Amino acid sequence: MLTDDADRYIKLRRSLGFKLAKTARHLTAFARYAVGRGDTHVRRETAIAWASAVSSTPRSHQRRLGEIALFARFLRAEDRAHEVPHHHPNHSAAKRPAPYIYTSEELRRLLDTAGNLRRQKPSPLRRHIYVMLIGLLASTGLRISEALNLRVDDLLPDGVLNIRQTKFNKSRLVPMHASVVEALRAYLEVRRRFAGTDDHVFLSVDAKPMPLRTVESTFHVILRKAGVGQDRSRSPRIHDLRHTFATRALEQCAMGRDDVARDFVALSTYLGHASIRHTYWYLEATPDLMGDIAAAAGALIDGRRP
């Protein structure tokens, strides 16, 4: 049955390192839909009908067809009766939104505001959590999911974080500045007085892992009270703290050719990027960096010291 085929396909790709959280849900739903129509093989007509019924935008429609097309190619290698639906992978390609780069003054205001959040009896750690979380993200460039998944045992000696099996199934070690290590130590002292048995570093009101939705909601409250980014049509995101870290790190790069290459590789590894091209994106996203590197390149070409 197609439902069994979908399970087999998903297990195989996960064994190769793909997570496929959304894809698994989509293909399982499609397989059930197809079986309900009496199909024993992937049919183009069924694929188009299902994608049209569940998609809210042309882009999501094409994305779902693309997922089915890969699934159908996998099955077609075994049975030519399966049909591969046509799709347009570049249809309405989404552009990455320009990151909001926080200034040092804005970061200070965010931390001050987090430290003055309204006290909540069920959550005595609330102020401490958001000061530590925002400070950690800004100083290490961690993804928010990585920070929320941190456990106490992931804090290794000598100020190193053990980031385990995150995006792209990669793990890495992240050294922290001495000031961050000290702030984290002080936070954990406060946390021990209120935490239960759960060993996550950041805990919600019920002493369970902090949900992302709760963090994002509170972060927008902090942004508003701190007066940061309120004049923009698109509000700054908590993920922009990672962009800010990467941009500030690149601004401190040396301008020699070998130095730039070394610094990019180091930053890419530190951030946990799957490919260095994801790190190079920060050049495009930050015009000042492009200008600095262009000037340095011109100096190299002219034989002058940059």
C-alpha atoms as a PDB file:
ATOM      1  CA  MET A   1       0.000   0.000   0.000  1.00  0.00           C
ATOM      2  CA  LEU A   2       1.052   3.578  -0.564  1.00  0.00           C
ATOM      3  CA  THR A   3       0.959   4.274   3.175  1.00  0.00           C
ATOM      4  CA  ASP A   4       3.540   1.521   3.739  1.00  0.00           C
ATOM      5  CA  ASP A   5       5.602   2.855   0.826  1.00  0.00           C
ATOM      6  CA  ALA A   6       5.559   6.339   2.375  1.00  0.00           C
ATOM      7  CA  ASP A   7       6.756   4.956   5.728  1.00  0.00           C
ATOM      8  CA  ARG A   8       9.534   3.026   3.998  1.00  0.00           C
ATOM      9  CA  TYR A   9      10.645   6.075   1.988  1.00  0.00           C
ATOM     10  CA  ILE A  10      10.678   8.327   5.059  1.00  0.00           C
ATOM     11  CA  LYS A  11      12.666   5.803   7.134  1.00  0.00           C
ATOM     12  CA  LEU A  12      15.221   5.431   4.363  1.00  0.00           C
ATOM     13  CA  ARG A  13      15.790   9.165   3.980  1.00  0.00           C
ATOM     14  CA  ARG A  14      15.962   9.663   7.743  1.00  0.00           C
ATOM     15  CA  SER A  15      18.636   6.979   7.910  1.00  0.00           C
ATOM     16  CA  LEU A  16      20.627   9.215   5.550  1.00  0.00           C
ATOM     17  CA  GLY A  17      20.413  12.165   7.938  1.00  0.00           C
ATOM     18  CA  PHE A  18      17.255  13.982   6.795  1.00  0.00           C
ATOM     19  CA  LYS A  19      14.741  14.952   9.489  1.00  0.00           C
ATOM     20  CA  LEU A  20      11.723  15.421   7.179  1.00  0.00           C
ATOM     21  CA  ALA A  21       9.321  16.520   9.923  1.00  0.00           C
ATOM     22  CA  LYS A  22       6.924  18.369   7.593  1.00  0.00           C
ATOM     23  CA  THR A  23       7.570  16.132   4.613  1.00  0.00           C
ATOM     24  CA  ALA A  24       6.644  13.049   6.641  1.00  0.00           C
ATOM     25  CA  ARG A  25       3.305  14.591   7.613  1.00  0.00           C
ATOM     26  CA  HIS A  26       2.612  15.660   4.044  1.00  0.00           C
ATOM     27  CA  LEU A  27       3.455  12.320   2.430  1.00  0.00           C
ATOM     28  CA  THR A  28       1.510  10.360   5.040  1.00  0.00           C
ATOM     29  CA  ALA A  29      -1.537  12.558   4.433  1.00  0.00           C
ATOM     30  CA  PHE A  30      -1.150  12.236   0.662  1.00  0.00           C
ATOM     31  CA  ALA A  31      -0.825   8.436   0.843  1.00  0.00           C
ATOM     32  CA  ARG A  32      -4.013   8.185   2.903  1.00  0.00           C
ATOM     33  CA  TYR A  33      -5.813  10.475   0.478  1.00  0.00           C
ATOM     34  CA  ALA A  34      -4.645   8.407  -2.510  1.00  0.00           C
ATOM     35  CA  VAL A  35      -5.638   5.111  -0.885  1.00  0.00           C
ATOM     36  CA  GLY A  36      -9.031   6.628  -0.109  1.00  0.00           C
ATOM     37  CA  ARG A  37      -9.469   7.260  -3.823  1.00  0.00           C
ATOM     38  CA  GLY A  38      -8.624   3.655  -4.565  1.00  0.00           C
ATOM     39  CA  ASP A  39      -5.119   4.319  -5.934  1.00  0.00           C
ATOM     40  CA  THR A  40      -2.439   1.659  -5.630  1.00  0.00           C
ATOM     41  CA  HIS A  41       0.225   3.810  -7.319  1.00  0.00           C
ATOM     42  CA  VAL A  42       1.127   7.493  -7.306  1.00  0.00           C
ATOM     43  CA  ARG A  43      -1.036   9.254  -9.899  1.00  0.00           C
ATOM     44  CA  ARG A  44      -0.414  12.758 -11.242  1.00  0.00           C
ATOM     45  CA  GLU A  45      -4.101  13.608 -11.111  1.00  0.00           C
ATOM     46  CA  THR A  46      -4.374  12.539  -7.473  1.00  0.00           C
ATOM     47  CA  ALA A  47      -1.226  14.420  -6.513  1.00  0.00           C
ATOM     48  CA  ILE A  48      -2.478  17.642  -8.094  1.00  0.00           C
ATOM     49  CA  ALA A  49      -5.924  17.264  -6.517  1.00  0.00           C
ATOM     50  CA  TRP A  50      -4.482  16.691  -3.036  1.00  0.00           C
ATOM     51  CA  ALA A  51      -1.935  19.512  -3.277  1.00  0.00           C
ATOM     52  CA  SER A  52      -4.652  21.902  -4.475  1.00  0.00           C
ATOM     53  CA  ALA A  53      -6.937  20.934  -1.595  1.00  0.00           C
ATOM     54  CA  VAL A  54      -4.405  21.413   1.200  1.00  0.00           C
ATOM     55  CA  SER A  55      -2.267  24.326  -0.069  1.00  0.00           C
ATOM     56  CA  SER A  56      -3.010  27.933   0.805  1.00  0.00           C
ATOM     57  CA  THR A  57      -0.465  29.535  -1.584  1.00  0.00           C
ATOM     58  CA  PRO A  58       1.044  28.706  -4.996  1.00  0.00           C
ATOM     59  CA  ARG A  59       4.404  28.231  -3.310  1.00  0.00           C
ATOM     60  CA  SER A  60       3.112  25.660  -0.805  1.00  0.00           C
ATOM     61  CA  HIS A  61       1.274  23.918  -3.674  1.00  0.00           C
ATOM     62  CA  GLN A  62       4.525  23.524  -5.606  1.00  0.00           C
ATOM     63  CA  ARG A  63       6.420  22.455  -2.489  1.00  0.00           C
ATOM     64  CA  ARG A  64       3.966  19.628  -1.828  1.00  0.00           C
ATOM     65  CA  LEU A  65       4.069  18.512  -5.443  1.00  0.00           C
ATOM     66  CA  GLY A  66       7.851  18.510  -5.236  1.00  0.00           C
ATOM     67  CA  GLU A  67       7.748  16.252  -2.178  1.00  0.00           C
ATOM     68  CA  ILE A  68       5.427  13.839  -3.962  1.00  0.00           C
ATOM     69  CA  ALA A  69       7.613  13.935  -7.092  1.00  0.00           C
ATOM     70  CA  LEU A  70      10.674  12.786  -5.120  1.00  0.00           C
ATOM     71  CA  PHE A  71       8.592  10.076  -3.461  1.00  0.00           C
ATOM     72  CA  ALA A  72       7.238   8.963  -6.853  1.00  0.00           C
ATOM     73  CA  ARG A  73      10.724   8.800  -8.400  1.00  0.00           C
ATOM     74  CA  PHE A  74      11.805   6.570  -5.530  1.00  0.00           C
ATOM     75  CA  LEU A  75       8.877   4.210  -6.156  1.00  0.00           C
ATOM     76  CA  ARG A  76       9.184   4.385  -9.938  1.00  0.00           C
ATOM     77  CA  ALA A  77      12.656   2.844  -9.715  1.00  0.00           C
ATOM     78  CA  GLU A  78      10.866  -0.291  -8.503  1.00  0.00           C
ATOM     79  CA  ASP A  79       7.609  -0.037 -10.445  1.00  0.00           C
ATOM     80  CA  ARG A  80       7.185   2.002 -13.645  1.00  0.00           C
ATOM     81  CA  ALA A  81       3.451   2.270 -13.025  1.00  0.00           C
ATOM     82  CA  HIS A  82       4.041   5.138 -10.595  1.00  0.00           C
ATOM     83  CA  GLU A  83       3.609   8.602 -12.154  1.00  0.00           C
ATOM     84  CA  VAL A  84       5.819  11.591 -11.296  1.00  0.00           C
ATOM     85  CA  PRO A  85       3.779  14.809 -11.020  1.00  0.00           C
ATOM     86  CA  HIS A  86       5.058  17.891 -12.821  1.00  0.00           C
ATOM     87  CA  HIS A  87       6.174  20.723 -10.566  1.00  0.00           C
ATOM     88  CA  HIS A  88       8.151  23.945 -10.785  1.00  0.00           C
ATOM     89  CA  PRO A  89      10.815  23.983  -8.046  1.00  0.00           C
ATOM     90  CA  ASN A  90      11.645  27.666  -8.596  1.00  0.00           C
ATOM     91  CA  HIS A  91       8.037  28.820  -8.676  1.00  0.00           C
ATOM     92  CA  SER A  92       7.609  31.923  -6.500  1.00  0.00           C
ATOM     93  CA  ALA A  93      10.927  31.310  -4.811  1.00  0.00           C
ATOM     94  CA  ALA A  94      10.943  32.985  -1.442  1.00  0.00           C
ATOM     95  CA  LYS A  95      13.640  35.513  -0.660  1.00  0.00           C
ATOM     96  CA  ARG A  96      15.280  35.513   2.723  1.00  0.00           C
ATOM     97  CA  PRO A  97      14.049  38.556   4.627  1.00  0.00           C
ATOM     98  CA  ALA A  98      16.687  41.170   5.355  1.00  0.00           C
ATOM     99  CA  PRO A  99      17.922  40.617   8.925  1.00  0.00           C
ATOM    100  CA  TYR A 100      17.497  43.239  11.605  1.00  0.00           C
ATOM    101  CA  ILE A 101      20.935  44.021  13.035  1.00  0.00           C
ATOM    102  CA  TYR A 102      20.602  45.170  16.629  1.00  0.00           C
ATOM    103  CA  THR A 103      22.872  47.952  17.823  1.00  0.00           C
ATOM    104  CA  SER A 104      24.768  47.655  21.096  1.00  0.00           C
ATOM    105  CA  GLU A 105      22.423  50.218  22.607  1.00  0.00           C
ATOM    106  CA  GLU A 106      19.354  48.243  21.512  1.00  0.00           C
ATOM    107  CA  LEU A 107      20.760  45.051  23.004  1.00  0.00           C
ATOM    108  CA  ARG A 108      21.344  46.856  26.284  1.00  0.00           C
ATOM    109  CA  ARG A 109      17.730  48.079  26.273  1.00  0.00           C
ATOM    110  CA  LEU A 110      16.447  44.582  25.543  1.00  0.00           C
ATOM    111  CA  LEU A 111      18.385  43.145  28.488  1.00  0.00           C
ATOM    112  CA  ASP A 112      17.266  45.964  30.803  1.00  0.00           C
ATOM    113  CA  THR A 113      13.642  45.462  29.763  1.00  0.00           C
ATOM    114  CA  ALA A 114      13.858  41.686  30.208  1.00  0.00           C
ATOM    115  CA  GLY A 115      15.239  42.250  33.695  1.00  0.00           C
ATOM    116  CA  ASN A 116      12.190  44.361  34.532  1.00  0.00           C
ATOM    117  CA  LEU A 117       9.483  42.076  33.225  1.00  0.00           C
ATOM    118  CA  ARG A 118       6.387  41.898  35.380  1.00  0.00           C
ATOM    119  CA  ARG A 119       6.739  39.352  38.153  1.00  0.00           C
ATOM    120  CA  GLN A 120       4.545  36.279  37.841  1.00  0.00           C
ATOM    121  CA  LYS A 121       3.961  34.140  40.936  1.00  0.00           C
ATOM    122  CA  PRO A 122       3.889  30.867  38.965  1.00  0.00           C
ATOM    123  CA  SER A 123       7.162  31.792  37.222  1.00  0.00           C
ATOM    124  CA  PRO A 124       9.709  33.317  39.640  1.00  0.00           C
ATOM    125  CA  LEU A 125      12.435  32.667  37.055  1.00  0.00           C
ATOM    126  CA  ARG A 126      10.817  34.723  34.281  1.00  0.00           C
ATOM    127  CA  ARG A 127      13.102  37.755  34.473  1.00  0.00           C
ATOM    128  CA  HIS A 128      16.230  35.670  34.917  1.00  0.00           C
ATOM    129  CA  ILE A 129      15.313  33.373  32.020  1.00  0.00           C
ATOM    130  CA  TYR A 130      14.864  36.116  29.437  1.00  0.00           C
ATOM    131  CA  VAL A 131      17.921  38.112  30.458  1.00  0.00           C
ATOM    132  CA  MET A 132      20.038  34.943  30.207  1.00  0.00           C
ATOM    133  CA  LEU A 133      18.381  33.700  27.009  1.00  0.00           C
ATOM    134  CA  ILE A 134      18.714  36.987  25.110  1.00  0.00           C
ATOM    135  CA  GLY A 135      22.279  37.452  26.356  1.00  0.00           C
ATOM    136  CA  LEU A 136      23.231  33.906  25.360  1.00  0.00           C
ATOM    137  CA  LEU A 137      21.767  34.220  21.857  1.00  0.00           C
ATOM    138  CA  ALA A 138      23.405  37.598  21.280  1.00  0.00           C
ATOM    139  CA  SER A 139      26.826  36.464  22.485  1.00  0.00           C
ATOM    140  CA  THR A 140      27.008  33.017  20.856  1.00  0.00           C
ATOM    141  CA  GLY A 141      24.767  33.196  17.765  1.00  0.00           C
ATOM    142  CA  LEU A 142      22.938  30.007  18.777  1.00  0.00           C
ATOM    143  CA  ARG A 143      19.691  29.144  17.038  1.00  0.00           C
ATOM    144  CA  ILE A 144      16.755  29.633  19.416  1.00  0.00           C
ATOM    145  CA  SER A 145      15.954  25.907  19.155  1.00  0.00           C
ATOM    146  CA  GLU A 146      19.512  25.074  20.216  1.00  0.00           C
ATOM    147  CA  ALA A 147      19.282  27.303  23.273  1.00  0.00           C
ATOM    148  CA  LEU A 148      15.894  25.914  24.333  1.00  0.00           C
ATOM    149  CA  ASN A 149      17.149  22.333  23.950  1.00  0.00           C
ATOM    150  CA  LEU A 150      20.183  22.915  26.171  1.00  0.00           C
ATOM    151  CA  ARG A 151      20.417  20.665  29.208  1.00  0.00           C
ATOM    152  CA  VAL A 152      22.480  21.263  32.309  1.00  0.00           C
ATOM    153  CA  ASP A 153      24.916  18.501  31.320  1.00  0.00           C
ATOM    154  CA  ASP A 154      25.561  20.308  28.009  1.00  0.00           C
ATOM    155  CA  LEU A 155      27.467  22.980  29.916  1.00  0.00           C
ATOM    156  CA  LEU A 156      30.959  21.542  29.778  1.00  0.00           C
ATOM    157  CA  PRO A 157      34.042  22.625  31.767  1.00  0.00           C
ATOM    158  CA  ASP A 158      36.089  25.612  30.575  1.00  0.00           C
ATOM    159  CA  GLY A 159      33.029  27.504  29.341  1.00  0.00           C
ATOM    160  CA  VAL A 160      32.044  25.278  26.417  1.00  0.00           C
ATOM    161  CA  LEU A 161      28.522  24.392  25.290  1.00  0.00           C
ATOM    162  CA  ASN A 162      27.803  20.977  23.798  1.00  0.00           C
ATOM    163  CA  ILE A 163      25.245  21.582  21.034  1.00  0.00           C
ATOM    164  CA  ARG A 164      23.828  18.146  20.194  1.00  0.00           C
ATOM    165  CA  GLN A 165      22.211  16.874  16.985  1.00  0.00           C
ATOM    166  CA  THR A 166      20.576  20.103  15.860  1.00  0.00           C
ATOM    167  CA  LYS A 167      19.816  21.327  12.344  1.00  0.00           C
ATOM    168  CA  PHE A 168      21.251  19.014   9.648  1.00  0.00           C
ATOM    169  CA  ASN A 169      21.910  16.449  12.445  1.00  0.00           C
ATOM    170  CA  LYS A 170      25.165  18.201  13.302  1.00  0.00           C
ATOM    171  CA  SER A 171      26.712  18.516  16.744  1.00  0.00           C
ATOM    172  CA  ARG A 172      29.371  21.026  17.714  1.00  0.00           C
ATOM    173  CA  LEU A 173      31.197  22.591  20.647  1.00  0.00           C
ATOM    174  CA  VAL A 174      30.659  26.315  21.256  1.00  0.00           C
ATOM    175  CA  PRO A 175      33.159  28.144  23.487  1.00  0.00           C
ATOM    176  CA  MET A 176      31.790  31.139  25.370  1.00  0.00           C
ATOM    177  CA  HIS A 177      33.323  34.402  26.526  1.00  0.00           C
ATOM    178  CA  ALA A 178      34.289  34.480  30.204  1.00  0.00           C
ATOM    179  CA  SER A 179      31.594  37.077  30.952  1.00  0.00           C
ATOM    180  CA  VAL A 180      28.910  34.795  29.479  1.00  0.00           C
ATOM    181  CA  VAL A 181      30.225  31.832  31.485  1.00  0.00           C
ATOM    182  CA  GLU A 182      29.947  33.866  34.677  1.00  0.00           C
ATOM    183  CA  ALA A 183      26.411  35.078  33.819  1.00  0.00           C
ATOM    184  CA  LEU A 184      25.333  31.511  33.082  1.00  0.00           C
ATOM    185  CA  ARG A 185      26.813  30.274  36.364  1.00  0.00           C
ATOM    186  CA  ALA A 186      24.883  32.940  38.300  1.00  0.00           C
ATOM    187  CA  TYR A 187      21.670  32.092  36.407  1.00  0.00           C
ATOM    188  CA  LEU A 188      22.024  28.377  37.220  1.00  0.00           C
ATOM    189  CA  GLU A 189      22.403  29.225  40.911  1.00  0.00           C
ATOM    190  CA  VAL A 190      19.027  30.993  40.823  1.00  0.00           C
ATOM    191  CA  ARG A 191      17.500  28.250  38.678  1.00  0.00           C
ATOM    192  CA  ARG A 192      18.421  25.533  41.199  1.00  0.00           C
ATOM    193  CA  ARG A 193      16.211  27.175  43.825  1.00  0.00           C
ATOM    194  CA  PHE A 194      13.089  26.808  41.708  1.00  0.00           C
ATOM    195  CA  ALA A 195      13.687  24.015  39.188  1.00  0.00           C
ATOM    196  CA  GLY A 196      12.122  20.577  39.537  1.00  0.00           C
ATOM    197  CA  THR A 197      13.451  17.379  38.038  1.00  0.00           C
ATOM    198  CA  ASP A 198      13.662  18.529  34.415  1.00  0.00           C
ATOM    199  CA  ASP A 199      17.249  19.243  33.412  1.00  0.00           C
ATOM    200  CA  HIS A 200      16.604  21.764  30.609  1.00  0.00           C
ATOM    201  CA  VAL A 201      18.466  25.017  31.196  1.00  0.00           C
ATOM    202  CA  PHE A 202      15.417  27.151  30.340  1.00  0.00           C
ATOM    203  CA  LEU A 203      12.123  26.082  31.915  1.00  0.00           C
ATOM    204  CA  SER A 204       8.527  27.206  31.529  1.00  0.00           C
ATOM    205  CA  VAL A 205       6.031  28.007  34.295  1.00  0.00           C
ATOM    206  CA  ASP A 206       5.277  24.310  34.869  1.00  0.00           C
ATOM    207  CA  ALA A 207       9.006  23.442  35.103  1.00  0.00           C
ATOM    208  CA  LYS A 208       8.996  21.848  31.664  1.00  0.00           C
ATOM    209  CA  PRO A 209      11.011  22.738  28.527  1.00  0.00           C
ATOM    210  CA  MET A 210      10.244  26.277  27.355  1.00  0.00           C
ATOM    211  CA  PRO A 211       7.949  26.293  24.267  1.00  0.00           C
ATOM    212  CA  LEU A 212       9.168  28.375  21.327  1.00  0.00           C
ATOM    213  CA  ARG A 213       5.782  30.082  21.005  1.00  0.00           C
ATOM    214  CA  THR A 214       6.000  31.356  24.582  1.00  0.00           C
ATOM    215  CA  VAL A 215       9.508  32.717  24.007  1.00  0.00           C
ATOM    216  CA  GLU A 216       8.536  34.498  20.779  1.00  0.00           C
ATOM    217  CA  SER A 217       5.453  36.035  22.398  1.00  0.00           C
ATOM    218  CA  THR A 218       7.431  37.337  25.366  1.00  0.00           C
ATOM    219  CA  PHE A 219      10.234  38.582  23.127  1.00  0.00           C
ATOM    220  CA  HIS A 220       7.763  40.752  21.201  1.00  0.00           C
ATOM    221  CA  VAL A 221       6.584  42.200  24.522  1.00  0.00           C
ATOM    222  CA  ILE A 222      10.214  43.010  25.370  1.00  0.00           C
ATOM    223  CA  LEU A 223      10.756  44.600  21.931  1.00  0.00           C
ATOM    224  CA  ARG A 224       7.708  46.829  22.383  1.00  0.00           C
ATOM    225  CA  LYS A 225       8.601  47.914  25.921  1.00  0.00           C
ATOM    226  CA  ALA A 226      12.217  48.550  24.900  1.00  0.00           C
ATOM    227  CA  GLY A 227      11.114  50.563  21.866  1.00  0.00           C
ATOM    228  CA  VAL A 228      13.218  48.505  19.468  1.00  0.00           C
ATOM    229  CA  GLY A 229      12.208  48.215  15.821  1.00  0.00           C
ATOM    230  CA  GLN A 230       8.753  49.643  16.371  1.00  0.00           C
ATOM    231  CA  ASP A 231       8.984  51.884  13.309  1.00  0.00           C
ATOM    232  CA  ARG A 232       9.416  48.925  10.942  1.00  0.00           C
ATOM    233  CA  SER A 233       6.663  47.248   8.945  1.00  0.00           C
ATOM    234  CA  ARG A 234       8.208  43.879   9.860  1.00  0.00           C
ATOM    235  CA  SER A 235       9.067  43.425  13.511  1.00  0.00           C
ATOM    236  CA  PRO A 236      12.580  42.252  14.416  1.00  0.00           C
ATOM    237  CA  ARG A 237      12.772  38.569  15.322  1.00  0.00           C
ATOM    238  CA  ILE A 238      14.576  36.728  18.068  1.00  0.00           C
ATOM    239  CA  HIS A 239      16.433  34.893  15.270  1.00  0.00           C
ATOM    240  CA  ASP A 240      17.912  38.260  14.273  1.00  0.00           C
ATOM    241  CA  LEU A 241      20.122  38.002  17.360  1.00  0.00           C
ATOM    242  CA  ARG A 242      21.940  35.222  15.499  1.00  0.00           C
ATOM    243  CA  HIS A 243      22.230  37.421  12.406  1.00  0.00           C
ATOM    244  CA  THR A 244      23.570  40.241  14.561  1.00  0.00           C
ATOM    245  CA  PHE A 245      26.230  37.989  16.082  1.00  0.00           C
ATOM    246  CA  ALA A 246      27.369  36.786  12.635  1.00  0.00           C
ATOM    247  CA  THR A 247      27.476  40.298  11.221  1.00  0.00           C
ATOM    248  CA  ARG A 248      29.466  41.719  14.143  1.00  0.00           C
ATOM    249  CA  ALA A 249      31.900  38.807  13.889  1.00  0.00           C
ATOM    250  CA  LEU A 250      32.443  39.432  10.173  1.00  0.00           C
ATOM    251  CA  GLU A 251      32.962  43.135  10.777  1.00  0.00           C
ATOM    252  CA  GLN A 252      35.987  42.207  12.851  1.00  0.00           C
ATOM    253  CA  CYS A 253      37.506  40.026  10.126  1.00  0.00           C
ATOM    254  CA  ALA A 254      40.943  40.939   8.901  1.00  0.00           C
ATOM    255  CA  MET A 255      40.989  42.042   5.270  1.00  0.00           C
ATOM    256  CA  GLY A 256      43.832  39.856   4.014  1.00  0.00           C
ATOM    257  CA  ARG A 257      42.738  37.157   1.537  1.00  0.00           C
ATOM    258  CA  ASP A 258      43.943  34.254   3.685  1.00  0.00           C
ATOM    259  CA  ASP A 259      42.596  35.868   6.848  1.00  0.00           C
ATOM    260  CA  VAL A 260      39.109  36.320   5.361  1.00  0.00           C
ATOM    261  CA  ALA A 261      38.988  32.678   4.241  1.00  0.00           C
ATOM    262  CA  ARG A 262      40.115  31.464   7.667  1.00  0.00           C
ATOM    263  CA  ASP A 263      37.636  33.665   9.528  1.00  0.00           C
ATOM    264  CA  PHE A 264      34.745  32.569   7.310  1.00  0.00           C
ATOM    265  CA  VAL A 265      35.490  28.896   7.902  1.00  0.00           C
ATOM    266  CA  ALA A 266      35.779  29.484  11.659  1.00  0.00           C
ATOM    267  CA  LEU A 267      32.486  31.412  11.807  1.00  0.00           C
ATOM    268  CA  SER A 268      30.696  28.838   9.640  1.00  0.00           C
ATOM    269  CA  THR A 269      31.821  26.063  11.997  1.00  0.00           C
ATOM    270  CA  TYR A 270      30.924  28.065  15.110  1.00  0.00           C
ATOM    271  CA  LEU A 271      27.401  28.771  13.812  1.00  0.00           C
ATOM    272  CA  GLY A 272      26.844  25.168  12.737  1.00  0.00           C
ATOM    273  CA  HIS A 273      26.197  25.969   9.070  1.00  0.00           C
ATOM    274  CA  ALA A 274      25.904  22.967   6.757  1.00  0.00           C
ATOM    275  CA  SER A 275      27.757  24.864   4.027  1.00  0.00           C
ATOM    276  CA  ILE A 276      29.961  27.938   4.028  1.00  0.00           C
ATOM    277  CA  ARG A 277      27.669  29.483   1.402  1.00  0.00           C
ATOM    278  CA  HIS A 278      25.166  30.072   4.214  1.00  0.00           C
ATOM    279  CA  THR A 279      27.822  32.151   5.969  1.00  0.00           C
ATOM    280  CA  TYR A 280      28.627  34.123   2.820  1.00  0.00           C
ATOM    281  CA  TRP A 281      24.961  35.181   2.730  1.00  0.00           C
ATOM    282  CA  TYR A 282      25.758  37.639   5.523  1.00  0.00           C
ATOM    283  CA  LEU A 283      27.879  39.631   3.066  1.00  0.00           C
ATOM    284  CA  GLU A 284      24.862  40.133   0.819  1.00  0.00           C
ATOM    285  CA  ALA A 285      22.659  40.920   3.807  1.00  0.00           C
ATOM    286  CA  THR A 286      25.046  43.572   5.163  1.00  0.00           C
ATOM    287  CA  PRO A 287      26.013  46.235   2.585  1.00  0.00           C
ATOM    288  CA  ASP A 288      28.698  47.744   4.847  1.00  0.00           C
ATOM    289  CA  LEU A 289      30.529  44.420   4.878  1.00  0.00           C
ATOM    290  CA  MET A 290      30.348  44.200   1.089  1.00  0.00           C
ATOM    291  CA  GLY A 291      31.822  47.675   0.828  1.00  0.00           C
ATOM    292  CA  ASP A 292      34.681  46.886   3.212  1.00  0.00           C
ATOM    293  CA  ILE A 293      35.605  43.680   1.404  1.00  0.00           C
ATOM    294  CA  ALA A 294      35.303  45.321  -2.013  1.00  0.00           C
ATOM    295  CA  ALA A 295      37.676  48.068  -0.867  1.00  0.00           C
ATOM    296  CA  ALA A 296      40.109  45.483   0.481  1.00  0.00           C
ATOM    297  CA  ALA A 297      39.916  43.538  -2.782  1.00  0.00           C
ATOM    298  CA  GLY A 298      40.675  46.712  -4.727  1.00  0.00           C
ATOM    299  CA  ALA A 299      43.692  47.347  -2.532  1.00  0.00           C
ATOM    300  CA  LEU A 300      44.978  43.832  -3.156  1.00  0.00           C
ATOM    301  CA  ILE A 301      44.568  44.249  -6.904  1.00  0.00           C
ATOM    302  CA  ASP A 302      46.429  47.578  -6.840  1.00  0.00           C
ATOM    303  CA  GLY A 303      49.221  46.019  -4.819  1.00  0.00           C
ATOM    304  CA  ARG A 304      48.482  48.167  -1.780  1.00  0.00           C
ATOM    305  CA  ARG A 305      48.214  46.870   1.785  1.00  0.00           C
ATOM    306  CA  PRO A 306      44.498  46.773   2.741  1.00  0.00           C
END
